[in-house]
All heavy atoms as atom14 arrays in JSON, in Angstrom:
{
  "sequence": "MELGLNVTQEQVDELKANADDINYDVAKKREKEVRHDVMSHVYA",
  "atom14_mask": [
    [1, 1, 1, 1, 1, 1, 1, 1, 0, 0, 0, 0, 0, 0],
    [1, 1, 1, 1, 1, 1, 1, 1, 1, 0, 0, 0, 0, 0],
    [1, 1, 1, 1, 1, 1, 1, 1, 0, 0, 0, 0, 0, 0],
    [1, 1, 1, 1, 0, 0, 0, 0, 0, 0, 0, 0, 0, 0],
    [1, 1, 1, 1, 1, 1, 1, 1, 0, 0, 0, 0, 0, 0],
    [1, 1, 1, 1, 1, 1, 1, 1, 0, 0, 0, 0, 0, 0],
    [1, 1, 1, 1, 1, 1, 1, 0, 0, 0, 0, 0, 0, 0],
    [1, 1, 1, 1, 1, 1, 1, 0, 0, 0, 0, 0, 0, 0],
    [1, 1, 1, 1, 1, 1, 1, 1, 1, 0, 0, 0, 0, 0],
    [1, 1, 1, 1, 1, 1, 1, 1, 1, 0, 0, 0, 0, 0],
    [1, 1, 1, 1, 1, 1, 1, 1, 1, 0, 0, 0, 0, 0],
    [1, 1, 1, 1, 1, 1, 1, 0, 0, 0, 0, 0, 0, 0],
    [1, 1, 1, 1, 1, 1, 1, 1, 0, 0, 0, 0, 0, 0],
    [1, 1, 1, 1, 1, 1, 1, 1, 1, 0, 0, 0, 0, 0],
    [1, 1, 1, 1, 1, 1, 1, 1, 0, 0, 0, 0, 0, 0],
    [1, 1, 1, 1, 1, 1, 1, 1, 1, 0, 0, 0, 0, 0],
    [1, 1, 1, 1, 1, 0, 0, 0, 0, 0, 0, 0, 0, 0],
    [1, 1, 1, 1, 1, 1, 1, 1, 0, 0, 0, 0, 0, 0],
    [1, 1, 1, 1, 1, 0, 0, 0, 0, 0, 0, 0, 0, 0],
    [1, 1, 1, 1, 1, 1, 1, 1, 0, 0, 0, 0, 0, 0],
    [1, 1, 1, 1, 1, 1, 1, 1, 0, 0, 0, 0, 0, 0],
    [1, 1, 1, 1, 1, 1, 1, 1, 0, 0, 0, 0, 0, 0],
    [1, 1, 1, 1, 1, 1, 1, 1, 0, 0, 0, 0, 0, 0],
    [1, 1, 1, 1, 1, 1, 1, 1, 1, 1, 1, 1, 0, 0],
    [1, 1, 1, 1, 1, 1, 1, 1, 0, 0, 0, 0, 0, 0],
    [1, 1, 1, 1, 1, 1, 1, 0, 0, 0, 0, 0, 0, 0],
    [1, 1, 1, 1, 1, 0, 0, 0, 0, 0, 0, 0, 0, 0],
    [1, 1, 1, 1, 1, 1, 1, 1, 1, 0, 0, 0, 0, 0],
    [1, 1, 1, 1, 1, 1, 1, 1, 1, 0, 0, 0, 0, 0],
    [1, 1, 1, 1, 1, 1, 1, 1, 1, 1, 1, 0, 0, 0],
    [1, 1, 1, 1, 1, 1, 1, 1, 1, 0, 0, 0, 0, 0],
    [1, 1, 1, 1, 1, 1, 1, 1, 1, 0, 0, 0, 0, 0],
    [1, 1, 1, 1, 1, 1, 1, 1, 1, 0, 0, 0, 0, 0],
    [1, 1, 1, 1, 1, 1, 1, 0, 0, 0, 0, 0, 0, 0],
    [1, 1, 1, 1, 1, 1, 1, 1, 1, 1, 1, 0, 0, 0],
    [1, 1, 1, 1, 1, 1, 1, 1, 1, 1, 0, 0, 0, 0],
    [1, 1, 1, 1, 1, 1, 1, 1, 0, 0, 0, 0, 0, 0],
    [1, 1, 1, 1, 1, 1, 1, 0, 0, 0, 0, 0, 0, 0],
    [1, 1, 1, 1, 1, 1, 1, 1, 0, 0, 0, 0, 0, 0],
    [1, 1, 1, 1, 1, 1, 0, 0, 0, 0, 0, 0, 0, 0],
    [1, 1, 1, 1, 1, 1, 1, 1, 1, 1, 0, 0, 0, 0],
    [1, 1, 1, 1, 1, 1, 1, 0, 0, 0, 0, 0, 0, 0],
    [1, 1, 1, 1, 1, 1, 1, 1, 1, 1, 1, 1, 0, 0],
    [1, 1, 1, 1, 1, 0, 0, 0, 0, 0, 0, 0, 0, 0]
  ],
  "atom14_positions": [
    [[15.13, -5.59, -20.46], [15.55, -4.24, -20.87], [16.1, -3.48, -19.66], [17.18, -2.85, -19.76], [14.35, -3.48, -21.45], [14.66, -2.04, -21.86], [13.16, -1.1, -22.26], [12.42, -0.9, -20.62], [0.0, 0.0, 0.0], [0.0, 0.0, 0.0], [0.0, 0.0, 0.0], [0.0, 0.0, 0.0], [0.0, 0.0, 0.0], [0.0, 0.0, 0.0]],
    [[15.38, -3.54, -18.55], [15.81, -2.81, -17.35], [17.13, -3.31, -16.81], [17.87, -2.58, -16.14], [14.71, -2.92, -16.28], [13.44, -2.16, -16.63], [12.26, -2.5, -15.73], [12.4, -3.39, -14.86], [11.2, -1.87, -15.89], [0.0, 0.0, 0.0], [0.0, 0.0, 0.0], [0.0, 0.0, 0.0], [0.0, 0.0, 0.0], [0.0, 0.0, 0.0]],
    [[17.45, -4.58, -17.11], [18.7, -5.16, -16.63], [19.82, -5.09, -17.67], [20.89, -5.68, -17.49], [18.46, -6.62, -16.2], [17.61, -6.79, -14.94], [17.19, -8.22, -14.75], [18.36, -6.28, -13.71], [0.0, 0.0, 0.0], [0.0, 0.0, 0.0], [0.0, 0.0, 0.0], [0.0, 0.0, 0.0], [0.0, 0.0, 0.0], [0.0, 0.0, 0.0]],
    [[19.58, -4.34, -18.76], [20.67, -4.01, -19.67], [20.76, -4.83, -20.93], [21.7, -4.64, -21.72], [0.0, 0.0, 0.0], [0.0, 0.0, 0.0], [0.0, 0.0, 0.0], [0.0, 0.0, 0.0], [0.0, 0.0, 0.0], [0.0, 0.0, 0.0], [0.0, 0.0, 0.0], [0.0, 0.0, 0.0], [0.0, 0.0, 0.0], [0.0, 0.0, 0.0]],
    [[19.83, -5.75, -21.19], [19.9, -6.5, -22.45], [19.45, -5.62, -23.62], [18.83, -4.56, -23.42], [19.03, -7.76, -22.37], [19.49, -8.87, -21.42], [18.62, -10.1, -21.6], [20.97, -9.22, -21.64], [0.0, 0.0, 0.0], [0.0, 0.0, 0.0], [0.0, 0.0, 0.0], [0.0, 0.0, 0.0], [0.0, 0.0, 0.0], [0.0, 0.0, 0.0]],
    [[19.72, -6.08, -24.8], [19.43, -5.3, -26.01], [17.94, -5.39, -26.37], [17.55, -5.97, -27.39], [20.3, -5.79, -27.16], [20.2, -4.87, -28.37], [19.87, -3.7, -28.25], [20.48, -5.43, -29.55], [0.0, 0.0, 0.0], [0.0, 0.0, 0.0], [0.0, 0.0, 0.0], [0.0, 0.0, 0.0], [0.0, 0.0, 0.0], [0.0, 0.0, 0.0]],
    [[17.13, -4.86, -25.5], [15.68, -4.75, -25.71], [15.32, -3.29, -25.56], [15.74, -2.64, -24.58], [14.9, -5.6, -24.68], [13.39, -5.42, -24.88], [15.28, -7.07, -24.79], [0.0, 0.0, 0.0], [0.0, 0.0, 0.0], [0.0, 0.0, 0.0], [0.0, 0.0, 0.0], [0.0, 0.0, 0.0], [0.0, 0.0, 0.0], [0.0, 0.0, 0.0]],
    [[14.59, -2.73, -26.51], [14.29, -1.29, -26.48], [12.91, -1.0, -25.9], [12.02, -1.87, -25.9], [14.36, -0.71, -27.9], [13.28, -1.26, -28.68], [15.7, -1.04, -28.56], [0.0, 0.0, 0.0], [0.0, 0.0, 0.0], [0.0, 0.0, 0.0], [0.0, 0.0, 0.0], [0.0, 0.0, 0.0], [0.0, 0.0, 0.0], [0.0, 0.0, 0.0]],
    [[12.74, 0.23, -25.48], [11.44, 0.66, -24.97], [10.39, 0.6, -26.06], [9.23, 0.27, -25.8], [11.54, 2.09, -24.42], [10.26, 2.59, -23.76], [9.92, 1.79, -22.51], [10.73, 1.66, -21.6], [8.7, 1.25, -22.45], [0.0, 0.0, 0.0], [0.0, 0.0, 0.0], [0.0, 0.0, 0.0], [0.0, 0.0, 0.0], [0.0, 0.0, 0.0]],
    [[10.79, 0.89, -27.29], [9.85, 0.83, -28.42], [9.32, -0.59, -28.62], [8.13, -0.79, -28.91], [10.53, 1.32, -29.7], [10.81, 2.82, -29.75], [11.99, 3.22, -28.86], [12.81, 2.34, -28.52], [12.05, 4.41, -28.5], [0.0, 0.0, 0.0], [0.0, 0.0, 0.0], [0.0, 0.0, 0.0], [0.0, 0.0, 0.0], [0.0, 0.0, 0.0]],
    [[10.18, -1.57, -28.46], [9.76, -2.97, -28.58], [8.79, -3.35, -27.46], [7.77, -4.01, -27.7], [10.98, -3.89, -28.55], [11.83, -3.81, -29.81], [13.11, -4.59, -29.69], [13.79, -4.56, -28.65], [13.48, -5.3, -30.77], [0.0, 0.0, 0.0], [0.0, 0.0, 0.0], [0.0, 0.0, 0.0], [0.0, 0.0, 0.0], [0.0, 0.0, 0.0]],
    [[9.11, -2.93, -26.24], [8.22, -3.21, -25.1], [6.87, -2.54, -25.31], [5.81, -3.14, -25.07], [8.87, -2.73, -23.78], [7.88, -2.84, -22.63], [10.12, -3.55, -23.48], [0.0, 0.0, 0.0], [0.0, 0.0, 0.0], [0.0, 0.0, 0.0], [0.0, 0.0, 0.0], [0.0, 0.0, 0.0], [0.0, 0.0, 0.0], [0.0, 0.0, 0.0]],
    [[6.89, -1.3, -25.78], [5.63, -0.57, -26.02], [4.8, -1.27, -27.1], [3.56, -1.3, -27.02], [5.93, 0.87, -26.45], [6.49, 1.71, -25.3], [6.34, 1.29, -24.13], [7.09, 2.76, -25.58], [0.0, 0.0, 0.0], [0.0, 0.0, 0.0], [0.0, 0.0, 0.0], [0.0, 0.0, 0.0], [0.0, 0.0, 0.0], [0.0, 0.0, 0.0]],
    [[5.46, -1.79, -28.11], [4.75, -2.49, -29.17], [4.07, -3.75, -28.62], [2.92, -4.06, -28.97], [5.72, -2.87, -30.29], [5.02, -3.44, -31.53], [6.0, -3.77, -32.63], [7.03, -4.44, -32.33], [5.76, -3.37, -33.78], [0.0, 0.0, 0.0], [0.0, 0.0, 0.0], [0.0, 0.0, 0.0], [0.0, 0.0, 0.0], [0.0, 0.0, 0.0]],
    [[4.8, -4.46, -27.76], [4.22, -5.64, -27.12], [2.99, -5.27, -26.29], [1.96, -5.95, -26.32], [5.25, -6.34, -26.25], [6.43, -7.02, -26.96], [7.43, -7.56, -25.94], [5.94, -8.15, -27.87], [0.0, 0.0, 0.0], [0.0, 0.0, 0.0], [0.0, 0.0, 0.0], [0.0, 0.0, 0.0], [0.0, 0.0, 0.0], [0.0, 0.0, 0.0]],
    [[3.11, -4.2, -25.54], [2.0, -3.76, -24.68], [0.79, -3.33, -25.51], [-0.36, -3.59, -25.14], [2.45, -2.61, -23.78], [3.4, -3.02, -22.68], [3.78, -1.83, -21.79], [4.69, -2.27, -20.64], [5.08, -1.11, -19.78], [0.0, 0.0, 0.0], [0.0, 0.0, 0.0], [0.0, 0.0, 0.0], [0.0, 0.0, 0.0], [0.0, 0.0, 0.0]],
    [[1.05, -2.7, -26.63], [-0.05, -2.21, -27.48], [-0.88, -3.34, -28.07], [-2.05, -3.15, -28.42], [0.52, -1.33, -28.6], [0.0, 0.0, 0.0], [0.0, 0.0, 0.0], [0.0, 0.0, 0.0], [0.0, 0.0, 0.0], [0.0, 0.0, 0.0], [0.0, 0.0, 0.0], [0.0, 0.0, 0.0], [0.0, 0.0, 0.0], [0.0, 0.0, 0.0]],
    [[-0.29, -4.51, -28.19], [-1.0, -5.65, -28.78], [-1.28, -6.76, -27.77], [-1.57, -7.89, -28.16], [-0.17, -6.21, -29.94], [-0.12, -5.27, -31.11], [-1.04, -5.21, -31.92], [0.96, -4.49, -31.2], [0.0, 0.0, 0.0], [0.0, 0.0, 0.0], [0.0, 0.0, 0.0], [0.0, 0.0, 0.0], [0.0, 0.0, 0.0], [0.0, 0.0, 0.0]],
    [[-1.22, -6.43, -26.5], [-1.34, -7.45, -25.46], [-2.69, -8.15, -25.46], [-2.77, -9.38, -25.26], [-1.08, -6.83, -24.09], [0.0, 0.0, 0.0], [0.0, 0.0, 0.0], [0.0, 0.0, 0.0], [0.0, 0.0, 0.0], [0.0, 0.0, 0.0], [0.0, 0.0, 0.0], [0.0, 0.0, 0.0], [0.0, 0.0, 0.0], [0.0, 0.0, 0.0]],
    [[-3.77, -7.42, -25.67], [-5.11, -7.99, -25.54], [-5.77, -8.33, -26.87], [-6.81, -8.98, -26.89], [-6.01, -7.02, -24.76], [-5.56, -6.86, -23.32], [-5.03, -7.84, -22.75], [-5.74, -5.76, -22.76], [0.0, 0.0, 0.0], [0.0, 0.0, 0.0], [0.0, 0.0, 0.0], [0.0, 0.0, 0.0], [0.0, 0.0, 0.0], [0.0, 0.0, 0.0]],
    [[-5.18, -7.88, -27.96], [-5.77, -8.11, -29.28], [-5.12, -9.35, -29.91], [-4.29, -9.26, -30.81], [-5.55, -6.88, -30.16], [-6.2, -7.03, -31.53], [-7.16, -7.82, -31.63], [-5.73, -6.38, -32.47], [0.0, 0.0, 0.0], [0.0, 0.0, 0.0], [0.0, 0.0, 0.0], [0.0, 0.0, 0.0], [0.0, 0.0, 0.0], [0.0, 0.0, 0.0]],
    [[-5.53, -10.51, -29.43], [-4.87, -11.74, -29.84], [-5.42, -12.23, -31.19], [-6.64, -12.38, -31.36], [-5.03, -12.84, -28.77], [-4.38, -12.39, -27.44], [-4.38, -14.15, -29.24], [-4.52, -13.38, -26.31], [0.0, 0.0, 0.0], [0.0, 0.0, 0.0], [0.0, 0.0, 0.0], [0.0, 0.0, 0.0], [0.0, 0.0, 0.0], [0.0, 0.0, 0.0]],
    [[-4.52, -12.48, -32.11], [-4.9, -12.98, -33.43], [-4.99, -14.51, -33.38], [-4.11, -15.23, -33.87], [-3.89, -12.51, -34.49], [-2.45, -12.71, -34.05], [-2.16, -12.97, -32.89], [-1.53, -12.57, -34.99], [0.0, 0.0, 0.0], [0.0, 0.0, 0.0], [0.0, 0.0, 0.0], [0.0, 0.0, 0.0], [0.0, 0.0, 0.0], [0.0, 0.0, 0.0]],
    [[-6.07, -14.99, -32.82], [-6.24, -16.43, -32.58], [-6.2, -17.24, -33.88], [-5.71, -18.38, -33.89], [-7.56, -16.69, -31.85], [-7.52, -16.34, -30.38], [-8.27, -15.29, -29.88], [-6.73, -17.08, -29.49], [-8.25, -14.96, -28.54], [-6.7, -16.76, -28.14], [-7.45, -15.7, -27.67], [-7.4, -15.39, -26.34], [0.0, 0.0, 0.0], [0.0, 0.0, 0.0]],
    [[-6.71, -16.68, -34.96], [-6.73, -17.42, -36.22], [-5.31, -17.75, -36.68], [-5.04, -18.86, -37.17], [-7.49, -16.64, -37.29], [-6.95, -15.22, -37.47], [-6.31, -14.7, -36.53], [-7.18, -14.62, -38.55], [0.0, 0.0, 0.0], [0.0, 0.0, 0.0], [0.0, 0.0, 0.0], [0.0, 0.0, 0.0], [0.0, 0.0, 0.0], [0.0, 0.0, 0.0]],
    [[-4.41, -16.8, -36.51], [-3.01, -17.03, -36.9], [-2.38, -18.1, -36.03], [-1.68, -19.0, -36.51], [-2.21, -15.71, -36.82], [-0.72, -15.96, -37.1], [-2.78, -14.67, -37.78], [0.0, 0.0, 0.0], [0.0, 0.0, 0.0], [0.0, 0.0, 0.0], [0.0, 0.0, 0.0], [0.0, 0.0, 0.0], [0.0, 0.0, 0.0], [0.0, 0.0, 0.0]],
    [[-2.64, -18.02, -34.71], [-2.05, -18.98, -33.77], [-2.55, -20.39, -34.05], [-1.77, -21.36, -34.05], [-2.37, -18.57, -32.34], [0.0, 0.0, 0.0], [0.0, 0.0, 0.0], [0.0, 0.0, 0.0], [0.0, 0.0, 0.0], [0.0, 0.0, 0.0], [0.0, 0.0, 0.0], [0.0, 0.0, 0.0], [0.0, 0.0, 0.0], [0.0, 0.0, 0.0]],
    [[-3.84, -20.52, -34.33], [-4.41, -21.85, -34.59], [-3.85, -22.45, -35.88], [-3.53, -23.64, -35.94], [-5.93, -21.76, -34.66], [-6.6, -21.52, -33.31], [-8.11, -21.4, -33.46], [-8.76, -21.13, -32.1], [-10.24, -20.96, -32.22], [0.0, 0.0, 0.0], [0.0, 0.0, 0.0], [0.0, 0.0, 0.0], [0.0, 0.0, 0.0], [0.0, 0.0, 0.0]],
    [[-3.75, -21.63, -36.89], [-3.21, -22.11, -38.16], [-1.76, -22.54, -38.0], [-1.34, -23.6, -38.5], [-3.32, -21.02, -39.2], [-2.8, -21.43, -40.57], [-2.94, -20.29, -41.58], [-2.37, -20.71, -42.93], [-2.45, -19.6, -43.93], [0.0, 0.0, 0.0], [0.0, 0.0, 0.0], [0.0, 0.0, 0.0], [0.0, 0.0, 0.0], [0.0, 0.0, 0.0]],
    [[-0.98, -21.76, -37.25], [0.42, -22.07, -37.03], [0.59, -23.35, -36.22], [1.49, -24.16, -36.49], [1.09, -20.9, -36.32], [2.59, -21.06, -36.08], [3.36, -21.03, -37.38], [4.8, -21.03, -37.15], [5.71, -21.11, -38.11], [5.33, -21.18, -39.37], [6.99, -21.1, -37.82], [0.0, 0.0, 0.0], [0.0, 0.0, 0.0], [0.0, 0.0, 0.0]],
    [[-0.29, -23.55, -35.22], [-0.16, -24.75, -34.37], [-0.4, -26.02, -35.17], [0.19, -27.06, -34.9], [-1.11, -24.67, -33.17], [-0.89, -25.79, -32.17], [-1.68, -25.62, -30.88], [-2.41, -24.63, -30.73], [-1.56, -26.52, -30.01], [0.0, 0.0, 0.0], [0.0, 0.0, 0.0], [0.0, 0.0, 0.0], [0.0, 0.0, 0.0], [0.0, 0.0, 0.0]],
    [[-1.29, -25.96, -36.16], [-1.51, -27.13, -37.01], [-0.25, -27.51, -37.78], [-0.01, -28.68, -38.08], [-2.66, -26.87, -37.99], [-4.03, -26.87, -37.33], [-5.13, -26.68, -38.36], [-6.51, -26.72, -37.73], [-7.59, -26.52, -38.73], [0.0, 0.0, 0.0], [0.0, 0.0, 0.0], [0.0, 0.0, 0.0], [0.0, 0.0, 0.0], [0.0, 0.0, 0.0]],
    [[0.57, -26.51, -38.04], [1.8, -26.75, -38.79], [2.94, -27.24, -37.91], [3.65, -28.19, -38.27], [2.24, -25.45, -39.5], [1.25, -24.94, -40.54], [1.62, -23.57, -41.07], [2.7, -23.06, -40.69], [0.84, -23.0, -41.85], [0.0, 0.0, 0.0], [0.0, 0.0, 0.0], [0.0, 0.0, 0.0], [0.0, 0.0, 0.0], [0.0, 0.0, 0.0]],
    [[3.11, -26.59, -36.72], [4.31, -26.87, -35.91], [4.02, -27.75, -34.69], [4.94, -28.2, -34.01], [4.97, -25.54, -35.45], [5.39, -24.72, -36.64], [4.05, -24.74, -34.53], [0.0, 0.0, 0.0], [0.0, 0.0, 0.0], [0.0, 0.0, 0.0], [0.0, 0.0, 0.0], [0.0, 0.0, 0.0], [0.0, 0.0, 0.0], [0.0, 0.0, 0.0]],
    [[2.73, -27.98, -34.38], [2.33, -28.83, -33.26], [2.93, -28.36, -31.93], [3.35, -29.16, -31.1], [2.75, -30.29, -33.52], [2.2, -30.9, -34.78], [0.7, -31.02, -34.72], [0.17, -31.63, -35.95], [-1.12, -31.74, -36.24], [-2.01, -31.3, -35.39], [-1.52, -32.29, -37.37], [0.0, 0.0, 0.0], [0.0, 0.0, 0.0], [0.0, 0.0, 0.0]],
    [[2.97, -27.06, -31.73], [3.53, -26.52, -30.49], [2.76, -25.24, -30.14], [2.86, -24.24, -30.85], [5.02, -26.22, -30.66], [5.75, -26.05, -29.35], [5.58, -24.94, -28.54], [6.64, -26.86, -28.72], [6.34, -25.07, -27.47], [7.0, -26.23, -27.55], [0.0, 0.0, 0.0], [0.0, 0.0, 0.0], [0.0, 0.0, 0.0], [0.0, 0.0, 0.0]],
    [[1.99, -25.3, -29.05], [1.1, -24.18, -28.75], [1.86, -22.9, -28.4], [1.5, -21.81, -28.85], [0.13, -24.56, -27.63], [0.79, -25.04, -26.36], [2.03, -25.23, -26.36], [0.08, -25.25, -25.35], [0.0, 0.0, 0.0], [0.0, 0.0, 0.0], [0.0, 0.0, 0.0], [0.0, 0.0, 0.0], [0.0, 0.0, 0.0], [0.0, 0.0, 0.0]],
    [[2.93, -23.01, -27.6], [3.65, -21.81, -27.19], [4.3, -21.13, -28.38], [4.17, -19.92, -28.6], [4.69, -22.13, -26.1], [5.56, -20.9, -25.81], [4.01, -22.6, -24.83], [0.0, 0.0, 0.0], [0.0, 0.0, 0.0], [0.0, 0.0, 0.0], [0.0, 0.0, 0.0], [0.0, 0.0, 0.0], [0.0, 0.0, 0.0], [0.0, 0.0, 0.0]],
    [[5.01, -21.91, -29.21], [5.69, -21.32, -30.36], [4.69, -20.78, -31.38], [4.99, -19.82, -32.12], [6.62, -22.34, -31.02], [7.82, -22.71, -30.14], [8.69, -21.26, -29.47], [9.28, -20.49, -30.98], [0.0, 0.0, 0.0], [0.0, 0.0, 0.0], [0.0, 0.0, 0.0], [0.0, 0.0, 0.0], [0.0, 0.0, 0.0], [0.0, 0.0, 0.0]],
    [[3.5, -21.34, -31.42], [2.46, -20.82, -32.31], [2.04, -19.43, -31.87], [1.82, -18.53, -32.69], [1.26, -21.76, -32.32], [1.63, -23.04, -32.78], [0.0, 0.0, 0.0], [0.0, 0.0, 0.0], [0.0, 0.0, 0.0], [0.0, 0.0, 0.0], [0.0, 0.0, 0.0], [0.0, 0.0, 0.0], [0.0, 0.0, 0.0], [0.0, 0.0, 0.0]],
    [[1.93, -19.24, -30.55], [1.52, -17.93, -30.05], [2.68, -16.94, -30.07], [2.44, -15.72, -30.2], [0.92, -18.07, -28.64], [-0.53, -18.45, -28.67], [-1.54, -17.52, -28.62], [-1.13, -19.66, -28.78], [-2.71, -18.15, -28.69], [-2.5, -19.45, -28.78], [0.0, 0.0, 0.0], [0.0, 0.0, 0.0], [0.0, 0.0, 0.0], [0.0, 0.0, 0.0]],
    [[3.91, -17.41, -29.93], [5.06, -16.53, -30.14], [5.03, -16.01, -31.57], [5.22, -14.81, -31.83], [6.39, -17.27, -29.85], [7.58, -16.43, -30.34], [6.54, -17.58, -28.38], [0.0, 0.0, 0.0], [0.0, 0.0, 0.0], [0.0, 0.0, 0.0], [0.0, 0.0, 0.0], [0.0, 0.0, 0.0], [0.0, 0.0, 0.0], [0.0, 0.0, 0.0]],
    [[4.79, -16.9, -32.5], [4.72, -16.53, -33.92], [3.59, -15.52, -34.17], [3.79, -14.5, -34.84], [4.51, -17.79, -34.76], [4.3, -17.53, -36.23], [5.37, -17.35, -37.08], [3.0, -17.46, -36.76], [5.18, -17.11, -38.45], [2.79, -17.21, -38.11], [3.89, -17.04, -38.94], [3.69, -16.79, -40.29], [0.0, 0.0, 0.0], [0.0, 0.0, 0.0]],
    [[2.4, -15.81, -33.62], [1.24, -14.93, -33.83], [1.49, -13.55, -33.23], [1.16, -12.52, -33.84], [-0.01, -15.56, -33.23], [0.0, 0.0, 0.0], [0.0, 0.0, 0.0], [0.0, 0.0, 0.0], [0.0, 0.0, 0.0], [0.0, 0.0, 0.0], [0.0, 0.0, 0.0], [0.0, 0.0, 0.0], [0.0, 0.0, 0.0], [0.0, 0.0, 0.0]]
  ]
}
């Protein structure tokens, strides 16, 4: 965002607001489907 890409402050704030409240159940369920830990957590 700071370097000019199409990322808004509202999006960054939303990410920060949910930084520590990880929905592990969603990530685990997704990983069983896609077999990829990083993309499962991106999805969650």
